N, C-alpha and C. Protein backbone atom coordinates (compact mmCIF):
# COMPACT_ATOMS: atom_id res chain seq x y z
N MET A 1 96.78 129.80 109.78
CA MET A 1 95.51 130.40 110.14
C MET A 1 95.10 129.96 111.55
N TRP A 2 95.31 128.68 111.83
CA TRP A 2 94.89 128.17 113.13
C TRP A 2 95.59 128.92 114.25
N SER A 3 96.87 129.18 114.10
CA SER A 3 97.62 129.84 115.17
C SER A 3 97.15 131.28 115.39
N LEU A 4 96.64 131.92 114.36
CA LEU A 4 96.12 133.28 114.51
C LEU A 4 94.88 133.31 115.40
N PHE A 5 94.02 132.30 115.25
CA PHE A 5 92.76 132.29 116.00
C PHE A 5 92.88 131.62 117.36
N SER A 6 93.76 130.63 117.47
CA SER A 6 93.83 129.87 118.73
C SER A 6 95.03 130.24 119.60
N GLY A 7 96.05 130.84 119.01
CA GLY A 7 97.25 131.15 119.77
C GLY A 7 98.20 129.98 119.92
N GLN A 8 97.93 128.87 119.26
CA GLN A 8 98.78 127.69 119.34
C GLN A 8 99.86 127.73 118.26
N LYS A 9 100.74 128.71 118.33
CA LYS A 9 101.75 128.87 117.28
C LYS A 9 102.72 127.70 117.22
N ASP A 10 103.26 127.32 118.36
CA ASP A 10 104.27 126.26 118.38
C ASP A 10 103.70 124.93 117.93
N ILE A 11 102.56 124.56 118.48
CA ILE A 11 101.96 123.27 118.12
C ILE A 11 101.56 123.26 116.65
N SER A 12 100.99 124.35 116.16
CA SER A 12 100.57 124.41 114.75
C SER A 12 101.75 124.20 113.81
N LEU A 13 102.82 124.91 114.05
CA LEU A 13 103.99 124.81 113.19
C LEU A 13 104.62 123.42 113.28
N ASN A 14 104.80 122.93 114.49
CA ASN A 14 105.43 121.62 114.68
C ASN A 14 104.60 120.49 114.07
N LEU A 15 103.29 120.53 114.25
CA LEU A 15 102.43 119.50 113.66
C LEU A 15 102.44 119.58 112.14
N GLY A 16 102.39 120.80 111.61
CA GLY A 16 102.43 120.95 110.16
C GLY A 16 103.70 120.37 109.56
N ILE A 17 104.83 120.65 110.20
CA ILE A 17 106.11 120.10 109.71
C ILE A 17 106.12 118.59 109.83
N PHE A 18 105.64 118.07 110.96
CA PHE A 18 105.63 116.61 111.16
C PHE A 18 104.82 115.91 110.08
N PHE A 19 103.58 116.33 109.88
CA PHE A 19 102.73 115.65 108.91
C PHE A 19 103.24 115.82 107.48
N GLU A 20 103.84 116.97 107.19
CA GLU A 20 104.40 117.17 105.86
C GLU A 20 105.57 116.23 105.62
N LEU A 21 106.44 116.08 106.60
CA LEU A 21 107.56 115.14 106.48
C LEU A 21 107.08 113.69 106.41
N LEU A 22 106.06 113.38 107.19
CA LEU A 22 105.56 112.01 107.26
C LEU A 22 105.03 111.54 105.91
N TRP A 23 104.33 112.42 105.20
CA TRP A 23 103.70 112.01 103.95
C TRP A 23 104.44 112.50 102.72
N LEU A 24 105.65 112.94 102.88
CA LEU A 24 106.43 113.46 101.75
C LEU A 24 106.65 112.41 100.68
N ASP A 25 106.81 111.17 101.07
CA ASP A 25 107.11 110.11 100.09
C ASP A 25 105.87 109.41 99.59
N LEU A 26 104.69 109.83 99.97
CA LEU A 26 103.47 109.13 99.58
C LEU A 26 102.77 109.75 98.37
N PHE A 27 103.51 110.38 97.50
CA PHE A 27 102.87 111.02 96.36
C PHE A 27 103.42 110.53 95.03
N PRO A 28 103.25 109.25 94.70
CA PRO A 28 103.67 108.78 93.38
C PRO A 28 102.63 109.17 92.34
N ALA A 29 102.68 110.39 91.93
CA ALA A 29 101.83 111.08 90.97
C ALA A 29 100.65 110.31 90.40
N GLY A 30 99.53 110.41 91.05
CA GLY A 30 98.28 109.93 90.51
C GLY A 30 97.99 108.46 90.66
N THR A 31 98.82 107.71 91.35
CA THR A 31 98.56 106.27 91.45
C THR A 31 97.52 105.94 92.50
N PHE A 32 97.40 106.76 93.52
CA PHE A 32 96.38 106.55 94.53
C PHE A 32 96.12 107.87 95.24
N ILE A 33 95.06 107.89 96.04
CA ILE A 33 94.70 109.09 96.77
C ILE A 33 95.49 109.08 98.08
N PRO A 34 96.34 110.08 98.30
CA PRO A 34 97.13 110.09 99.54
C PRO A 34 96.25 110.43 100.74
N PRO A 35 96.71 110.09 101.95
CA PRO A 35 95.95 110.45 103.14
C PRO A 35 95.84 111.97 103.26
N GLN A 36 94.81 112.42 103.90
CA GLN A 36 94.55 113.85 104.00
C GLN A 36 95.37 114.45 105.15
N SER A 37 96.52 114.99 104.82
CA SER A 37 97.40 115.53 105.87
C SER A 37 96.78 116.75 106.55
N VAL A 38 96.11 117.59 105.80
CA VAL A 38 95.47 118.77 106.39
C VAL A 38 94.37 118.34 107.35
N TYR A 39 93.66 117.30 106.97
CA TYR A 39 92.60 116.76 107.80
C TYR A 39 93.15 116.30 109.15
N ALA A 40 94.26 115.56 109.12
CA ALA A 40 94.87 115.07 110.36
C ALA A 40 95.40 116.23 111.20
N VAL A 41 95.97 117.23 110.56
CA VAL A 41 96.49 118.38 111.30
C VAL A 41 95.34 119.13 111.97
N LEU A 42 94.25 119.37 111.25
CA LEU A 42 93.12 120.09 111.84
C LEU A 42 92.47 119.31 112.98
N LEU A 43 92.34 117.99 112.81
CA LEU A 43 91.80 117.18 113.90
C LEU A 43 92.70 117.24 115.12
N THR A 44 93.99 117.09 114.92
CA THR A 44 94.93 117.11 116.04
C THR A 44 94.92 118.47 116.73
N LEU A 45 94.93 119.54 115.95
CA LEU A 45 94.91 120.88 116.54
C LEU A 45 93.61 121.15 117.29
N SER A 46 92.49 120.70 116.74
CA SER A 46 91.20 120.91 117.40
C SER A 46 91.14 120.20 118.75
N ILE A 47 91.51 118.94 118.76
CA ILE A 47 91.46 118.17 120.01
C ILE A 47 92.50 118.69 121.01
N SER A 48 93.68 119.06 120.52
CA SER A 48 94.70 119.58 121.44
C SER A 48 94.26 120.91 122.04
N TYR A 49 93.51 121.70 121.29
CA TYR A 49 92.99 122.96 121.80
C TYR A 49 91.92 122.70 122.86
N ILE A 50 91.04 121.75 122.60
CA ILE A 50 89.96 121.43 123.54
C ILE A 50 90.52 120.92 124.87
N PHE A 51 91.52 120.03 124.80
CA PHE A 51 92.09 119.45 126.01
C PHE A 51 93.29 120.24 126.55
N ALA A 52 93.63 121.35 125.92
CA ALA A 52 94.75 122.20 126.32
C ALA A 52 96.06 121.42 126.41
N LEU A 53 96.32 120.60 125.40
CA LEU A 53 97.57 119.84 125.33
C LEU A 53 98.66 120.76 124.81
N LYS A 54 99.80 120.75 125.45
CA LYS A 54 100.84 121.72 125.12
C LYS A 54 102.09 121.13 124.49
N ASN A 55 102.44 119.89 124.82
CA ASN A 55 103.71 119.37 124.31
C ASN A 55 103.54 117.99 123.69
N ILE A 56 104.58 117.54 123.04
CA ILE A 56 104.52 116.30 122.29
C ILE A 56 104.35 115.08 123.19
N SER A 57 104.81 115.16 124.43
CA SER A 57 104.64 114.01 125.33
C SER A 57 103.17 113.79 125.65
N GLN A 58 102.33 114.80 125.46
CA GLN A 58 100.89 114.65 125.63
C GLN A 58 100.18 114.37 124.31
N LEU A 59 100.80 114.75 123.20
CA LEU A 59 100.14 114.68 121.89
C LEU A 59 100.38 113.39 121.11
N TRP A 60 101.34 112.58 121.47
CA TRP A 60 101.75 111.45 120.63
C TRP A 60 100.60 110.49 120.33
N ALA A 61 99.78 110.18 121.32
CA ALA A 61 98.67 109.24 121.08
C ALA A 61 97.62 109.88 120.16
N LEU A 62 97.39 111.16 120.34
CA LEU A 62 96.43 111.87 119.49
C LEU A 62 96.90 111.90 118.04
N ILE A 63 98.18 112.06 117.82
CA ILE A 63 98.73 112.05 116.46
C ILE A 63 98.49 110.71 115.79
N ILE A 64 98.68 109.63 116.54
CA ILE A 64 98.43 108.29 115.98
C ILE A 64 96.96 108.13 115.63
N ILE A 65 96.07 108.56 116.51
CA ILE A 65 94.63 108.41 116.27
C ILE A 65 94.19 109.23 115.05
N THR A 66 94.61 110.48 114.97
CA THR A 66 94.19 111.31 113.84
C THR A 66 94.80 110.84 112.53
N ASN A 67 95.97 110.24 112.60
CA ASN A 67 96.58 109.64 111.41
C ASN A 67 95.68 108.55 110.84
N LEU A 68 95.13 107.73 111.71
CA LEU A 68 94.23 106.67 111.26
C LEU A 68 92.98 107.25 110.61
N PHE A 69 92.46 108.32 111.17
CA PHE A 69 91.26 108.94 110.60
C PHE A 69 91.55 109.59 109.25
N SER A 70 92.77 110.03 109.03
CA SER A 70 93.10 110.61 107.73
C SER A 70 93.07 109.55 106.64
N TYR A 71 93.36 108.30 107.01
CA TYR A 71 93.25 107.22 106.03
C TYR A 71 91.79 106.87 105.75
N ILE A 72 90.92 107.02 106.74
CA ILE A 72 89.49 106.82 106.52
C ILE A 72 88.97 107.89 105.58
N CYS A 73 89.52 109.08 105.68
CA CYS A 73 89.12 110.18 104.81
C CYS A 73 89.40 109.86 103.34
N VAL A 74 90.40 109.03 103.09
CA VAL A 74 90.70 108.59 101.72
C VAL A 74 89.50 107.84 101.15
N PHE A 75 88.85 107.02 101.96
CA PHE A 75 87.66 106.29 101.52
C PHE A 75 86.55 107.27 101.13
N ILE A 76 86.34 108.30 101.92
CA ILE A 76 85.33 109.31 101.62
C ILE A 76 85.66 110.01 100.30
N GLU A 77 86.92 110.35 100.12
CA GLU A 77 87.37 110.99 98.88
C GLU A 77 87.14 110.09 97.67
N ARG A 78 87.42 108.80 97.85
CA ARG A 78 87.23 107.85 96.75
C ARG A 78 85.75 107.76 96.37
N GLN A 79 84.86 107.73 97.37
CA GLN A 79 83.43 107.67 97.09
C GLN A 79 82.96 108.93 96.37
N SER A 80 83.48 110.06 96.79
CA SER A 80 83.13 111.32 96.13
C SER A 80 83.59 111.32 94.67
N ARG A 81 84.77 110.80 94.43
CA ARG A 81 85.28 110.75 93.05
C ARG A 81 84.47 109.77 92.20
N LEU A 82 84.00 108.69 92.80
CA LEU A 82 83.15 107.76 92.05
C LEU A 82 81.85 108.45 91.63
N GLN A 83 81.28 109.24 92.53
CA GLN A 83 80.07 109.98 92.17
C GLN A 83 80.36 111.04 91.11
N ASP A 84 81.53 111.65 91.18
CA ASP A 84 81.91 112.61 90.14
C ASP A 84 82.09 111.91 88.79
N ASN A 85 82.59 110.69 88.82
CA ASN A 85 82.71 109.92 87.57
C ASN A 85 81.34 109.63 86.97
N LEU A 86 80.35 109.35 87.81
CA LEU A 86 78.99 109.14 87.31
C LEU A 86 78.45 110.42 86.66
N SER A 87 78.72 111.55 87.29
CA SER A 87 78.30 112.83 86.70
C SER A 87 78.99 113.07 85.37
N TYR A 88 80.25 112.71 85.30
CA TYR A 88 81.00 112.86 84.06
C TYR A 88 80.42 111.97 82.96
N ASN A 89 80.06 110.74 83.32
CA ASN A 89 79.45 109.84 82.34
C ASN A 89 78.11 110.38 81.84
N LYS A 90 77.33 110.97 82.74
CA LYS A 90 76.07 111.60 82.32
C LYS A 90 76.34 112.76 81.36
N LEU A 91 77.39 113.50 81.65
CA LEU A 91 77.77 114.61 80.78
C LEU A 91 78.13 114.11 79.39
N LEU A 92 78.89 113.02 79.31
CA LEU A 92 79.25 112.45 78.01
C LEU A 92 78.02 111.99 77.24
N LYS A 93 77.05 111.42 77.94
CA LYS A 93 75.81 110.99 77.28
C LYS A 93 75.04 112.19 76.73
N ARG A 94 75.03 113.27 77.49
CA ARG A 94 74.34 114.47 77.03
C ARG A 94 75.02 115.07 75.80
N ILE A 95 76.34 114.99 75.77
CA ILE A 95 77.07 115.51 74.61
C ILE A 95 76.72 114.70 73.37
N LYS A 96 76.66 113.38 73.52
CA LYS A 96 76.34 112.52 72.38
C LYS A 96 74.91 112.74 71.90
N SER A 97 74.00 112.97 72.84
CA SER A 97 72.61 113.15 72.43
C SER A 97 72.29 114.61 72.11
N LYS A 98 73.28 115.47 72.23
CA LYS A 98 73.17 116.89 71.91
C LYS A 98 72.10 117.60 72.74
N ASP A 99 71.97 117.14 73.99
CA ASP A 99 71.07 117.82 74.93
C ASP A 99 71.70 119.13 75.38
N ASP A 100 70.90 119.93 76.02
CA ASP A 100 71.38 121.19 76.55
C ASP A 100 72.34 120.91 77.73
N LEU A 101 73.57 121.41 77.63
CA LEU A 101 74.57 121.17 78.66
C LEU A 101 74.53 122.26 79.72
N LYS A 102 74.54 121.84 80.96
CA LYS A 102 74.62 122.78 82.07
C LYS A 102 75.83 122.41 82.91
N LEU A 103 77.00 122.79 82.40
CA LEU A 103 78.24 122.46 83.10
C LEU A 103 78.31 123.09 84.48
N SER A 104 77.80 124.29 84.59
CA SER A 104 77.89 124.97 85.88
C SER A 104 77.15 124.21 86.97
N SER A 105 76.02 123.60 86.64
CA SER A 105 75.28 122.85 87.66
C SER A 105 76.03 121.58 88.06
N ILE A 106 76.70 120.94 87.11
CA ILE A 106 77.47 119.74 87.43
C ILE A 106 78.66 120.10 88.32
N ILE A 107 79.33 121.19 87.99
CA ILE A 107 80.48 121.63 88.79
C ILE A 107 80.03 122.06 90.18
N ARG A 108 78.93 122.83 90.25
CA ARG A 108 78.41 123.25 91.54
C ARG A 108 78.04 122.06 92.42
N MET A 109 77.39 121.07 91.82
CA MET A 109 76.98 119.89 92.58
C MET A 109 78.19 119.12 93.09
N SER A 110 79.22 119.01 92.28
CA SER A 110 80.44 118.31 92.69
C SER A 110 81.11 119.03 93.86
N ILE A 111 81.23 120.33 93.77
CA ILE A 111 81.84 121.11 94.85
C ILE A 111 81.00 121.03 96.11
N PHE A 112 79.69 121.18 95.96
CA PHE A 112 78.79 121.10 97.12
C PHE A 112 78.89 119.74 97.80
N ARG A 113 78.88 118.68 97.01
CA ARG A 113 78.96 117.32 97.56
C ARG A 113 80.28 117.13 98.31
N SER A 114 81.36 117.62 97.74
CA SER A 114 82.67 117.49 98.38
C SER A 114 82.71 118.24 99.71
N ILE A 115 82.19 119.45 99.73
CA ILE A 115 82.17 120.23 100.97
C ILE A 115 81.31 119.56 102.03
N VAL A 116 80.14 119.10 101.65
CA VAL A 116 79.25 118.44 102.61
C VAL A 116 79.87 117.17 103.16
N TYR A 117 80.40 116.33 102.29
CA TYR A 117 81.04 115.08 102.75
C TYR A 117 82.17 115.37 103.72
N ASN A 118 83.04 116.30 103.35
CA ASN A 118 84.20 116.59 104.19
C ASN A 118 83.79 117.22 105.52
N PHE A 119 82.83 118.12 105.49
CA PHE A 119 82.38 118.75 106.73
C PHE A 119 81.73 117.74 107.66
N ILE A 120 80.84 116.93 107.13
CA ILE A 120 80.17 115.93 107.96
C ILE A 120 81.17 114.94 108.53
N PHE A 121 82.08 114.46 107.69
CA PHE A 121 83.05 113.49 108.18
C PHE A 121 83.98 114.12 109.21
N PHE A 122 84.39 115.36 109.00
CA PHE A 122 85.25 116.03 109.98
C PHE A 122 84.52 116.19 111.31
N TYR A 123 83.28 116.61 111.26
CA TYR A 123 82.51 116.81 112.49
C TYR A 123 82.30 115.49 113.23
N LEU A 124 81.93 114.44 112.51
CA LEU A 124 81.75 113.12 113.14
C LEU A 124 83.07 112.60 113.70
N SER A 125 84.15 112.79 112.96
CA SER A 125 85.47 112.37 113.45
C SER A 125 85.85 113.11 114.71
N LEU A 126 85.56 114.39 114.74
CA LEU A 126 85.87 115.20 115.91
C LEU A 126 85.11 114.70 117.13
N ILE A 127 83.85 114.36 116.96
CA ILE A 127 83.05 113.83 118.07
C ILE A 127 83.60 112.49 118.54
N VAL A 128 83.88 111.59 117.60
CA VAL A 128 84.38 110.26 117.96
C VAL A 128 85.74 110.37 118.66
N ILE A 129 86.65 111.14 118.08
CA ILE A 129 87.99 111.26 118.67
C ILE A 129 87.92 111.96 120.03
N PHE A 130 87.08 112.98 120.15
CA PHE A 130 86.93 113.67 121.43
C PHE A 130 86.50 112.69 122.52
N ASN A 131 85.44 111.93 122.26
CA ASN A 131 84.94 110.98 123.26
C ASN A 131 85.95 109.87 123.56
N PHE A 132 86.59 109.36 122.52
CA PHE A 132 87.58 108.31 122.71
C PHE A 132 88.78 108.83 123.49
N TYR A 133 89.26 110.00 123.10
CA TYR A 133 90.44 110.56 123.74
C TYR A 133 90.14 110.95 125.19
N LYS A 134 88.93 111.45 125.45
CA LYS A 134 88.54 111.79 126.82
C LYS A 134 88.56 110.54 127.71
N THR A 135 88.20 109.40 127.13
CA THR A 135 88.18 108.15 127.87
C THR A 135 89.59 107.63 128.15
N ILE A 136 90.47 107.72 127.15
CA ILE A 136 91.80 107.13 127.32
C ILE A 136 92.84 108.10 127.85
N LEU A 137 92.53 109.38 127.93
CA LEU A 137 93.51 110.38 128.36
C LEU A 137 94.17 110.07 129.71
N PRO A 138 93.41 109.64 130.72
CA PRO A 138 94.08 109.34 132.00
C PRO A 138 95.07 108.17 131.92
N PHE A 139 94.93 107.33 130.91
CA PHE A 139 95.77 106.14 130.80
C PHE A 139 96.97 106.33 129.87
N ILE A 140 97.05 107.47 129.20
CA ILE A 140 98.14 107.71 128.26
C ILE A 140 99.38 108.16 129.03
N PRO A 141 100.46 107.40 128.94
CA PRO A 141 101.67 107.82 129.67
C PRO A 141 102.35 108.98 128.94
N GLU A 142 102.92 109.88 129.72
CA GLU A 142 103.73 110.94 129.13
C GLU A 142 105.12 110.39 128.88
N ILE A 143 105.53 110.39 127.64
CA ILE A 143 106.85 109.88 127.28
C ILE A 143 107.80 111.07 127.23
N LYS A 144 108.69 111.13 128.19
CA LYS A 144 109.55 112.31 128.38
C LYS A 144 110.62 112.46 127.31
N PHE A 145 111.12 111.35 126.74
CA PHE A 145 112.23 111.47 125.80
C PHE A 145 111.79 111.85 124.39
N ILE A 146 110.50 111.91 124.15
CA ILE A 146 110.03 112.33 122.83
C ILE A 146 109.97 113.86 122.79
N ASN A 147 110.59 114.42 121.77
CA ASN A 147 110.44 115.85 121.51
C ASN A 147 110.20 116.02 120.01
N TRP A 148 109.97 117.25 119.59
CA TRP A 148 109.62 117.48 118.19
C TRP A 148 110.74 117.10 117.25
N ASN A 149 111.98 117.31 117.66
CA ASN A 149 113.12 116.96 116.80
C ASN A 149 113.16 115.46 116.52
N VAL A 150 112.95 114.67 117.56
CA VAL A 150 112.93 113.21 117.38
C VAL A 150 111.78 112.81 116.47
N LEU A 151 110.63 113.43 116.67
CA LEU A 151 109.46 113.10 115.85
C LEU A 151 109.68 113.50 114.39
N TRP A 152 110.32 114.63 114.15
CA TRP A 152 110.62 115.04 112.77
C TRP A 152 111.57 114.07 112.11
N ILE A 153 112.56 113.60 112.85
CA ILE A 153 113.52 112.64 112.29
C ILE A 153 112.81 111.35 111.92
N VAL A 154 111.95 110.87 112.81
CA VAL A 154 111.20 109.64 112.52
C VAL A 154 110.31 109.84 111.30
N ALA A 155 109.66 111.00 111.21
CA ALA A 155 108.79 111.26 110.06
C ALA A 155 109.57 111.37 108.76
N ALA A 156 110.79 111.87 108.83
CA ALA A 156 111.60 112.05 107.62
C ALA A 156 112.25 110.77 107.14
N ILE A 157 112.26 109.73 107.96
CA ILE A 157 112.90 108.48 107.56
C ILE A 157 112.30 107.94 106.26
N GLY A 158 110.99 107.94 106.17
CA GLY A 158 110.33 107.42 104.97
C GLY A 158 110.70 108.20 103.72
N SER A 159 110.76 109.52 103.84
CA SER A 159 111.09 110.31 102.65
C SER A 159 112.55 110.14 102.25
N ILE A 160 113.43 109.96 103.22
CA ILE A 160 114.85 109.72 102.89
C ILE A 160 115.01 108.37 102.21
N LEU A 161 114.36 107.36 102.77
CA LEU A 161 114.49 106.01 102.20
C LEU A 161 113.77 105.87 100.86
N SER A 162 112.79 106.74 100.60
CA SER A 162 112.07 106.65 99.33
C SER A 162 112.90 107.18 98.15
N LEU A 163 114.01 107.84 98.43
CA LEU A 163 114.85 108.36 97.35
C LEU A 163 115.46 107.25 96.51
N ARG A 164 115.68 106.09 97.11
CA ARG A 164 116.23 104.92 96.44
C ARG A 164 117.59 105.23 95.79
N ILE A 165 118.37 106.01 96.50
CA ILE A 165 119.73 106.32 96.07
C ILE A 165 120.67 105.74 97.12
N GLN A 166 121.65 104.99 96.67
CA GLN A 166 122.54 104.28 97.58
C GLN A 166 123.22 105.22 98.58
N LYS A 167 123.62 106.40 98.12
CA LYS A 167 124.30 107.35 99.00
C LYS A 167 123.37 107.82 100.12
N SER A 168 122.08 107.95 99.83
CA SER A 168 121.16 108.39 100.88
C SER A 168 121.01 107.32 101.96
N TYR A 169 121.06 106.05 101.57
CA TYR A 169 121.00 104.98 102.57
C TYR A 169 122.23 105.02 103.47
N VAL A 170 123.40 105.20 102.87
CA VAL A 170 124.64 105.25 103.65
C VAL A 170 124.62 106.46 104.59
N LEU A 171 124.21 107.60 104.05
CA LEU A 171 124.15 108.81 104.86
C LEU A 171 123.14 108.66 105.99
N PHE A 172 122.01 108.04 105.70
CA PHE A 172 121.00 107.80 106.72
C PHE A 172 121.55 106.90 107.82
N PHE A 173 122.21 105.81 107.43
CA PHE A 173 122.76 104.88 108.40
C PHE A 173 123.82 105.56 109.28
N LEU A 174 124.70 106.35 108.66
CA LEU A 174 125.73 107.05 109.43
C LEU A 174 125.11 108.07 110.39
N GLY A 175 124.14 108.81 109.90
CA GLY A 175 123.46 109.79 110.75
C GLY A 175 122.72 109.14 111.90
N PHE A 176 122.05 108.04 111.61
CA PHE A 176 121.31 107.32 112.64
C PHE A 176 122.27 106.75 113.69
N THR A 177 123.41 106.23 113.24
CA THR A 177 124.42 105.70 114.16
C THR A 177 124.98 106.83 115.03
N LEU A 178 125.29 107.96 114.42
CA LEU A 178 125.80 109.11 115.17
C LEU A 178 124.76 109.59 116.19
N LEU A 179 123.53 109.66 115.78
CA LEU A 179 122.45 110.07 116.68
C LEU A 179 122.34 109.11 117.86
N GLY A 180 122.45 107.81 117.59
CA GLY A 180 122.39 106.81 118.65
C GLY A 180 123.54 106.96 119.63
N ILE A 181 124.74 107.22 119.11
CA ILE A 181 125.90 107.40 119.98
C ILE A 181 125.72 108.64 120.86
N VAL A 182 125.25 109.73 120.27
CA VAL A 182 125.03 110.96 121.03
C VAL A 182 123.95 110.74 122.08
N TYR A 183 122.88 110.07 121.70
CA TYR A 183 121.78 109.82 122.62
C TYR A 183 122.23 108.94 123.78
N LEU A 184 122.98 107.89 123.48
CA LEU A 184 123.48 107.01 124.54
C LEU A 184 124.51 107.71 125.40
N GLY A 185 125.33 108.54 124.78
CA GLY A 185 126.35 109.28 125.51
C GLY A 185 125.75 110.33 126.44
N ALA A 186 124.58 110.83 126.10
CA ALA A 186 123.93 111.84 126.93
C ALA A 186 123.22 111.21 128.13
N GLY A 187 123.13 109.88 128.16
CA GLY A 187 122.55 109.20 129.30
C GLY A 187 121.04 109.04 129.26
N PHE A 188 120.46 109.03 128.08
CA PHE A 188 119.01 108.84 127.99
C PHE A 188 118.77 107.39 128.16
């Protein structure tokens, strides 16, 4: 959707793939709330659009910053779920006392609270990151050897190693060694 409205097709696709690969191994079904990958992608795309950043050598610092904010978003999500748990406990009390149940109002309130929390936090994050990035932008070096392929490989390392299969470790080591030989042979 972002690329339709902003015209940032390449950056949108590349960032989406990067964040998806980065967090591929962070989903051990229900044990914790994973970082908000969509949140980080939207923040990165918004700031890159504002500053007209075009390539990864300009985006790397922004990706790190928005990654940190996606972990803060986990805290917001946790607080929202705690409030939803309180609503659920009130619902259970009403069931026991046979009061009139208004499930639709509880659901509406939960959805409304979630939307408000996420919108406010996104807007505040956007302001903070914009001001911070505007300050540090002149000092961020452009790293020429970083490209999207290298970033995807780095992001995929965690998901490959999370397989915990001996053959995947051997294959990873061989591939990494081959990549190093090719990189060194090319004169980087």
